[in-house]
C-alpha cells in the first residue's frame, strides 16, 4: 500500500469545507502509520486537536483492527537475555515486527525492570515492574507510542504469596481492568482496578473452592482451571464473574480420546484450549451465538520432529493462507499447512523468547 504524505498544513481545513468530516478523517489520517500521525500533531493546532480526540483514537483503532490487509498488526516478542549470567539480565525486553511482512525485529523502548507481561487488549499492554523495594508496580504501556503510566498501588494482605494477574478491556463500560488475585492455601484476595475510576476495589468473599491456575480474562470474565481432587489428573474449567460473584463450571471441548494434556489460554479475543495428542495438537476456541457458548476447532497441527520436545505449545495466529504461527518453548515457528514444514522466525537470533503476542498499532493513551 502506498504511503500517504501530507505536505500542506491547510489541507485538512480546505477539505473539511467541502467533504463530510468522516471522509476527511479517512483520507488524511486513518491510513497513516502511528509514527506519521505523531509527527502530524506538530503541523497545526487543528491537527493536534483532531488526532488527540477520543473519537479519532477510537475510530483509528477500530479501522486498524478490522483492516483486511492487517497492515497495522504487529508481532510483539518478549525476551529474557542471559538469564543465567546475572539477575538483572532476567528482566524482559521487547522487540516488534510486522505480522505479514517479513521484516527485521526492532527493539522497543519500554519501562525498565519488567518481570512479567500481564496481557494486551485494545491498544494497551499491562506490565509488572520490579521497583527494588520488595514490591512491584503495574504499568499500562502502549507499544506503538511507547507511552506508559504507573497504576496506583494495590493493597493486599496476602502479597508476596501466590499471585495471579490479569488484564482486559471491558467493552460494555468502555474501560480497562486489571485483576490481582493473591492466594494462600484456601484463602484468597481478589482486587480489580478500573481505568475509569483510577482506583482498586476489593471483591469480598469470592467463591474460590480450590487453587486456580491458568487464569485468563475474556470479555470481562475470568476463566481458570481447577485441579479436581476427587478425580486423579482431572482438570475443570470454571468461569468467575466478578459482577455477580459467581463461580460456575464451563464445558470443555469435545476433543475425544487420546488427549495427553490440554492447556487454557486465549486466541484473539476468545478463550482457547490447546489439546495435545501423541501425533498432533488441536486449537479450540469458545464462540458465542446469542446467549449460547460453544467450542469450535480452528486447526490441527501435526507434531513433527520439531515439536517432539518441550511442553509449551501456543498457537498465536492463523494466516489467511492457512499457515499457523506457533510459539513452542523458546521457538517462534510458522507451520506451512501445504508443505507441512516449519519455518523458524528467530533463527540465528539471541536470547530466550519468553512469549509472543499480536498487537494493533494505536494511539490509545495509557
Protein backbone atom coordinates (compact mmCIF):
# COMPACT_ATOMS: atom_id res chain seq x y z
CA UNK A 1 0.00 0.00 0.00
CA UNK A 2 1.37 3.42 -0.97
CA UNK A 3 2.44 5.76 1.81
CA UNK A 4 0.25 8.82 2.20
CA UNK A 5 2.27 12.00 2.72
CA UNK A 6 0.78 15.26 3.97
CA UNK A 7 2.63 18.38 2.82
CA UNK A 8 0.05 21.17 3.09
CA UNK A 9 -0.89 22.06 6.70
CA UNK A 10 -4.06 23.79 5.45
CA UNK A 11 -5.25 20.73 3.52
CA UNK A 12 -7.47 19.47 6.33
CA UNK A 13 -9.22 22.85 6.69
CA UNK A 14 -9.70 23.12 2.93
CA UNK A 15 -11.15 19.63 2.50
CA UNK A 16 -13.35 19.85 5.60
CA UNK A 17 -15.33 22.70 4.00
CA UNK A 18 -16.25 20.53 1.00
CA UNK A 19 -16.40 16.93 2.27
CA UNK A 20 -18.08 15.15 5.19
CA UNK A 21 -15.84 15.01 8.26
CA UNK A 22 -15.58 11.20 8.34
CA UNK A 23 -14.28 11.13 4.74
CA UNK A 24 -11.69 13.78 5.54
CA UNK A 25 -10.57 11.75 8.56
CA UNK A 26 -10.12 8.66 6.39
CA UNK A 27 -8.27 10.48 3.62
CA UNK A 28 -5.84 12.34 5.85
CA UNK A 29 -5.17 10.25 8.92
CA UNK A 30 -6.78 6.82 9.28
CA UNK A 31 -4.39 5.30 6.72
CA UNK A 32 -1.28 6.84 8.26
CA UNK A 33 1.17 4.97 10.45
CA UNK A 34 1.41 5.84 14.14
CA UNK A 35 4.80 7.42 13.50
CA UNK A 36 3.37 9.73 10.83
CA UNK A 37 0.33 10.56 12.96
CA UNK A 38 2.51 11.62 15.88
CA UNK A 39 4.54 13.81 13.54
CA UNK A 40 1.34 15.34 12.16
CA UNK A 41 0.30 16.60 15.60
CA UNK A 42 3.01 19.26 15.36
CA UNK A 43 1.80 20.61 12.00
CA UNK A 44 -1.01 22.80 13.35
CA UNK A 45 -3.41 23.09 16.29
CA UNK A 46 -6.39 21.75 14.35
CA UNK A 47 -4.49 18.54 13.53
CA UNK A 48 -3.32 18.16 17.10
CA UNK A 49 -6.88 18.57 18.35
CA UNK A 50 -8.23 16.08 15.80
CA UNK A 51 -5.60 13.36 16.30
CA UNK A 52 -5.78 13.68 20.10
CA UNK A 53 -9.58 13.45 20.27
CA UNK A 54 -11.10 10.29 21.82
CA UNK A 55 -13.39 9.80 18.82
CA UNK A 56 -10.50 9.81 16.36
CA UNK A 57 -8.37 7.49 18.53
CA UNK A 58 -11.28 5.04 18.81
CA UNK A 59 -12.04 5.20 15.06
CA UNK A 60 -8.38 4.73 14.17
CA UNK A 61 -8.13 1.65 16.43
CA UNK A 62 -11.34 0.15 15.02
CA UNK A 63 -10.24 0.62 11.41
CA UNK A 64 -6.74 -0.70 12.12
CA UNK A 65 -8.13 -3.75 13.93
CA UNK A 66 -10.53 -4.57 11.09
CA UNK A 67 -8.12 -3.84 8.24
CA UNK A 68 -8.37 -6.82 5.88
CA UNK A 69 -4.72 -6.35 4.86
CA UNK A 70 -3.56 -6.47 8.53
CA UNK A 71 -1.18 -3.61 7.75
CA UNK A 72 -1.35 -2.31 11.35
CA UNK A 73 -0.97 -5.71 13.04
CA UNK A 74 2.41 -6.43 14.60
CA UNK A 75 4.16 -9.18 16.50
CA UNK A 76 5.39 -8.29 19.97
CA UNK A 77 8.14 -10.59 21.24
CA UNK A 78 9.23 -10.63 24.86
CA UNK A 79 12.78 -11.82 25.51
CA UNK A 80 14.87 -12.68 28.54
CA UNK A 81 18.56 -12.37 27.75
CA UNK A 82 21.47 -14.10 29.51
CA UNK A 83 19.23 -15.26 32.31
CA UNK A 84 21.95 -17.44 33.88
CA UNK A 85 24.56 -14.68 33.99
CA UNK A 86 23.13 -12.05 36.34
CA UNK A 87 19.80 -11.39 38.00
CA UNK A 88 19.43 -8.01 36.28
CA UNK A 89 19.54 -9.75 32.91
CA UNK A 90 16.39 -11.66 33.82
CA UNK A 91 14.21 -8.62 33.10
CA UNK A 92 12.15 -8.67 29.92
CA UNK A 93 12.99 -6.76 26.77
CA UNK A 94 10.67 -6.33 23.79
CA UNK A 95 11.00 -6.46 20.03
CA UNK A 96 8.46 -5.90 17.29
CA UNK A 97 7.99 -6.66 13.60
CA UNK A 98 5.20 -6.63 11.04
CA UNK A 99 2.82 -9.58 11.20
CA UNK A 100 2.51 -10.18 7.45
CA UNK A 101 5.63 -8.53 6.02
CA UNK A 102 8.94 -10.30 6.50
CA UNK A 103 10.90 -7.59 8.29
CA UNK A 104 13.63 -7.44 10.91
CA UNK A 105 12.86 -7.38 14.62
CA UNK A 106 13.09 -3.87 16.07
CA UNK A 107 13.94 -3.15 19.69
CA UNK A 108 11.21 -1.22 21.54
CA UNK A 109 11.71 1.40 24.22
CA UNK A 110 9.80 0.22 27.26
CA UNK A 111 9.58 0.76 31.05
CA UNK A 112 12.54 -0.68 32.94
CA UNK A 113 12.77 -3.82 35.09
CA UNK A 114 9.79 -5.65 33.57
CA UNK A 115 9.38 -9.09 35.15
CA UNK A 116 6.06 -10.14 33.59
CA UNK A 117 3.89 -9.34 30.59
CA UNK A 118 0.39 -9.49 32.11
CA UNK A 119 -1.63 -9.07 28.92
CA UNK A 120 -2.64 -6.98 25.93
CA UNK A 121 -6.03 -5.55 24.99
CA UNK A 122 -7.36 -2.79 22.72
CA UNK A 123 -4.09 -0.99 22.11
CA UNK A 124 -2.55 -1.25 25.58
CA UNK A 125 -0.37 -3.78 27.36
CA UNK A 126 -0.17 -4.35 31.11
CA UNK A 127 3.29 -4.98 32.57
CA UNK A 128 4.58 -5.95 36.01
CA UNK A 129 7.68 -3.98 37.02
CA UNK A 130 10.19 -4.56 39.83
CA UNK A 131 10.79 -1.37 41.85
CA UNK A 132 13.59 -2.85 44.03
CA UNK A 133 11.59 -2.45 47.27
CA UNK A 134 10.20 -5.96 47.53
CA UNK A 135 7.17 -4.60 45.72
CA UNK A 136 6.01 -4.43 42.14
CA UNK A 137 4.41 -1.72 40.06
CA UNK A 138 1.72 -2.44 37.50
CA UNK A 139 2.13 -0.36 34.36
CA UNK A 140 -0.07 0.34 31.36
CA UNK A 141 2.05 0.66 28.20
CA UNK A 142 1.29 1.45 24.57
CA UNK A 143 3.89 -0.43 22.47
CA UNK A 144 3.11 1.81 19.47
CA UNK A 145 3.64 5.22 21.08
CA UNK A 146 5.98 3.88 23.84
CA UNK A 147 3.97 5.87 26.40
CA UNK A 148 3.33 4.32 29.82
CA UNK A 149 1.69 5.03 33.18
CA UNK A 150 2.20 3.51 36.62
CA UNK A 151 -1.05 2.38 38.24
CA UNK A 152 -1.97 3.15 41.86
CA UNK A 153 -0.58 0.56 44.25
CA UNK A 154 -2.92 -2.24 45.23
CA UNK A 155 -3.18 -3.02 48.94
CA UNK A 156 -3.25 -6.80 49.53
CA UNK A 157 -2.76 -8.55 52.87
CA UNK A 158 -1.55 -11.75 51.19
CA UNK A 159 1.03 -10.04 48.97
CA UNK A 160 4.30 -11.79 48.04
CA UNK A 161 2.50 -15.14 48.04
CA UNK A 162 0.99 -16.95 45.05
CA UNK A 163 -0.23 -14.06 42.86
CA UNK A 164 -2.16 -14.16 39.59
CA UNK A 165 -2.54 -11.12 37.35
CA UNK A 166 -4.96 -10.43 34.51
CA UNK A 167 -5.79 -7.61 32.13
CA UNK A 168 -8.75 -6.96 29.84
CA UNK A 169 -10.84 -4.26 28.19
CA UNK A 170 -14.48 -4.01 29.27
CA UNK A 171 -16.24 -3.06 26.02
CA UNK A 172 -19.62 -2.66 27.70
CA UNK A 173 -18.39 0.01 30.13
CA UNK A 174 -15.50 1.32 27.98
CA UNK A 175 -12.69 0.94 30.47
CA UNK A 176 -9.65 -1.22 31.17
CA UNK A 177 -9.50 -3.65 34.09
CA UNK A 178 -6.54 -5.17 35.91
CA UNK A 179 -7.10 -8.16 38.19
CA UNK A 180 -4.85 -9.24 41.05
CA UNK A 181 -5.50 -12.47 42.95
CA UNK A 182 -3.38 -13.43 45.96
CA UNK A 183 -3.72 -16.94 47.34
CA UNK A 184 -2.61 -18.85 50.42
CA UNK A 185 -3.98 -22.41 50.63
CA UNK A 186 -7.77 -21.84 50.54
CA UNK A 187 -7.55 -18.15 51.45
CA UNK A 188 -7.84 -15.65 48.60
CA UNK A 189 -7.94 -11.93 47.97
CA UNK A 190 -9.28 -10.54 44.71
CA UNK A 191 -8.82 -6.88 43.70
CA UNK A 192 -9.91 -5.19 40.47
CA UNK A 193 -8.55 -1.93 39.03
CA UNK A 194 -10.74 0.22 36.77
CA UNK A 195 -9.23 2.85 34.48
CA UNK A 196 -12.49 4.80 34.72
CA UNK A 197 -12.17 5.39 38.47
CA UNK A 198 -8.36 5.01 38.51
CA UNK A 199 -8.70 3.01 41.70
CA UNK A 200 -8.82 -0.52 43.10
CA UNK A 201 -11.80 -2.28 44.63
CA UNK A 202 -11.73 -5.47 46.71
CA UNK A 203 -14.10 -8.31 45.81
CA UNK A 204 -15.19 -9.69 49.19
CA UNK A 205 -15.81 -13.40 49.91
CA UNK A 206 -15.04 -14.52 46.40
CA UNK A 207 -16.09 -18.15 45.84
CA UNK A 208 -12.78 -19.89 45.25
CA UNK A 209 -13.21 -23.55 46.10
CA UNK A 210 -9.64 -24.52 45.26
CA UNK A 211 -6.42 -23.04 43.95
CA UNK A 212 -6.87 -21.68 40.43
CA UNK A 213 -4.29 -21.95 37.65
CA UNK A 214 -4.05 -20.91 34.00
CA UNK A 215 -6.21 -17.82 34.62
CA UNK A 216 -7.36 -15.93 31.54
CA UNK A 217 -9.60 -12.88 31.26
CA UNK A 218 -12.06 -12.77 28.37
CA UNK A 219 -14.95 -10.32 27.85
CA UNK A 220 -14.81 -9.12 31.45
CA UNK A 221 -14.96 -12.61 32.98
CA UNK A 222 -12.14 -14.71 34.37
CA UNK A 223 -11.66 -18.32 33.30
CA UNK A 224 -9.36 -20.63 35.21
CA UNK A 225 -8.51 -24.28 35.75
CA UNK A 226 -9.25 -26.20 38.93
CA UNK A 227 -7.42 -29.43 39.64
CA UNK A 228 -10.24 -31.65 40.87
CA UNK A 229 -9.00 -33.55 43.92
CA UNK A 230 -11.80 -36.14 43.61
CA UNK A 231 -10.53 -37.45 40.26
CA UNK A 232 -6.88 -38.08 39.52
CA UNK A 233 -5.40 -35.90 36.77
CA UNK A 234 -8.81 -34.32 36.12
CA UNK A 235 -8.99 -30.60 35.32
CA UNK A 236 -12.09 -28.43 35.29
CA UNK A 237 -12.61 -25.07 33.54
CA UNK A 238 -14.52 -22.55 35.64
CA UNK A 239 -15.87 -19.10 34.79
CA UNK A 240 -15.72 -16.48 37.53
CA UNK A 241 -17.92 -13.41 37.11
CA UNK A 242 -16.91 -10.60 39.45
CA UNK A 243 -20.11 -8.64 38.74
CA UNK A 244 -22.43 -11.22 40.29
CA UNK A 245 -19.83 -13.01 42.43
CA UNK A 246 -20.38 -16.46 40.96
CA UNK A 247 -18.13 -19.36 40.03
CA UNK A 248 -19.51 -21.89 37.53
CA UNK A 249 -18.07 -24.85 35.67
CA UNK A 250 -17.60 -24.40 31.92
CA UNK A 251 -17.91 -27.25 29.45
CA UNK A 252 -14.70 -28.44 27.81
CA UNK A 253 -14.25 -29.06 24.07
CA UNK A 254 -15.37 -32.42 22.69
CA UNK A 255 -11.85 -33.43 21.73
CA UNK A 256 -12.41 -37.18 22.06
CA UNK A 257 -9.97 -39.78 23.33
CA UNK A 258 -6.19 -39.87 23.35
CA UNK A 259 -5.57 -36.40 24.84
CA UNK A 260 -2.27 -36.38 26.77
CA UNK A 261 -2.79 -32.89 28.19
CA UNK A 262 -4.55 -29.62 27.50
CA UNK A 263 -3.96 -26.01 28.48
CA UNK A 264 -6.21 -22.97 28.74
CA UNK A 265 -5.38 -19.69 27.04
CA UNK A 266 -6.68 -17.00 24.70
CA UNK A 267 -6.66 -16.75 20.92
CA UNK A 268 -7.50 -13.25 19.75
CA UNK A 269 -10.45 -12.18 21.89
CA UNK A 270 -11.64 -15.72 22.52
CA UNK A 271 -10.99 -18.27 25.22
CA UNK A 272 -8.95 -21.15 23.82
CA UNK A 273 -7.83 -24.66 24.66
CA UNK A 274 -4.79 -26.37 23.14
CA UNK A 275 -5.22 -30.17 23.24
CA UNK A 276 -2.07 -32.27 22.88
CA UNK A 277 -2.19 -35.75 21.38
CA UNK A 278 0.68 -38.12 20.56
CA UNK A 279 0.74 -37.09 16.90
CA UNK A 280 -0.93 -33.69 16.80
CA UNK A 281 -2.11 -30.63 18.69
CA UNK A 282 -5.56 -29.08 18.25
CA UNK A 283 -6.65 -25.48 18.81
CA UNK A 284 -10.21 -24.94 20.06
CA UNK A 285 -11.84 -21.57 20.72
CA UNK A 286 -15.01 -20.67 22.57
CA UNK A 287 -17.52 -18.82 20.40
CA UNK A 288 -20.87 -17.28 21.20
CA UNK A 289 -24.18 -17.39 19.37
CA UNK A 290 -26.60 -15.23 21.31
CA UNK A 291 -26.63 -16.49 24.87
CA UNK A 292 -25.19 -19.87 23.88
CA UNK A 293 -21.47 -20.66 24.08
CA UNK A 294 -19.82 -23.48 22.18
CA UNK A 295 -16.35 -24.76 21.29
CA UNK A 296 -15.11 -24.79 17.69
CA UNK A 297 -11.91 -26.45 16.42
CA UNK A 298 -9.84 -23.98 14.41
CA UNK A 299 -6.89 -26.09 13.35
CA UNK A 300 -4.89 -29.27 13.88
CA UNK A 301 -1.08 -29.08 13.95
CA UNK A 302 0.94 -32.27 13.39
CA UNK A 303 3.64 -32.93 15.99
CA UNK A 304 6.58 -33.40 13.67
CA UNK A 305 10.20 -33.73 14.76
CA UNK A 306 10.47 -30.03 15.57
CA UNK A 307 7.66 -30.37 18.14
CA UNK A 308 8.66 -33.63 19.80
CA UNK A 309 10.48 -31.95 22.69
CA UNK A 310 9.22 -29.45 25.24
CA UNK A 311 5.78 -28.66 26.57
CA UNK A 312 4.95 -25.02 25.84
CA UNK A 313 2.88 -25.05 22.64
CA UNK A 314 0.87 -21.92 21.88
CA UNK A 315 -0.84 -21.19 18.53
CA UNK A 316 -0.66 -17.41 18.05
CA UNK A 317 -2.19 -16.62 14.65
CA UNK A 318 -3.76 -18.30 11.64
CA UNK A 319 -2.81 -16.55 8.40
CA UNK A 320 -5.24 -16.11 5.52
CA UNK A 321 -3.42 -18.83 3.54
CA UNK A 322 -3.91 -21.35 6.34
CA UNK A 323 -0.39 -21.19 7.79
CA UNK A 324 -0.23 -21.20 11.59
CA UNK A 325 2.11 -19.11 13.76
CA UNK A 326 3.17 -21.22 16.75
CA UNK A 327 5.13 -20.37 19.90
CA UNK A 328 6.85 -23.58 21.01
CA UNK A 329 9.10 -23.35 24.08
CA UNK A 330 11.65 -20.67 23.07
CA UNK A 331 10.97 -21.04 19.33
CA UNK A 332 8.66 -18.99 17.13
CA UNK A 333 7.56 -21.13 14.17
CA UNK A 334 5.32 -20.78 11.13
CA UNK A 335 3.70 -24.07 10.09
CA UNK A 336 3.13 -24.31 6.33
CA UNK A 337 -0.13 -26.24 6.04
CA UNK A 338 0.56 -27.15 2.38
CA UNK A 339 4.16 -28.40 2.59
CA UNK A 340 3.78 -29.50 6.23
CA UNK A 341 7.05 -27.79 7.15
CA UNK A 342 8.07 -25.35 9.85
CA UNK A 343 9.96 -22.09 9.43
CA UNK A 344 11.84 -20.61 12.39
CA UNK A 345 11.30 -16.84 12.67
CA UNK A 346 14.06 -16.48 15.30
CA UNK A 347 16.78 -18.46 13.52
CA UNK A 348 20.33 -17.43 14.49
CA UNK A 349 18.96 -14.89 16.94
CA UNK A 350 19.99 -14.33 20.55
CA UNK A 351 18.18 -14.51 23.85
CA UNK A 352 15.33 -16.60 25.15
CA UNK A 353 11.96 -15.96 23.54
CA UNK A 354 9.58 -15.87 26.50
CA UNK A 355 6.32 -15.22 24.67
CA UNK A 356 4.81 -13.55 21.63
CA UNK A 357 1.64 -11.50 21.21
CA UNK A 358 -0.29 -9.79 18.44
CA UNK A 359 -0.95 -6.09 18.87
CA UNK A 360 -2.54 -3.44 16.67
CA UNK A 361 -0.90 -0.05 16.26
CA UNK A 362 -2.93 2.55 18.13
CA UNK A 363 -2.92 5.98 19.75
CA UNK A 364 -4.71 4.79 22.89
CA UNK A 365 -3.39 6.64 25.91
CA UNK A 366 -2.35 4.59 28.97
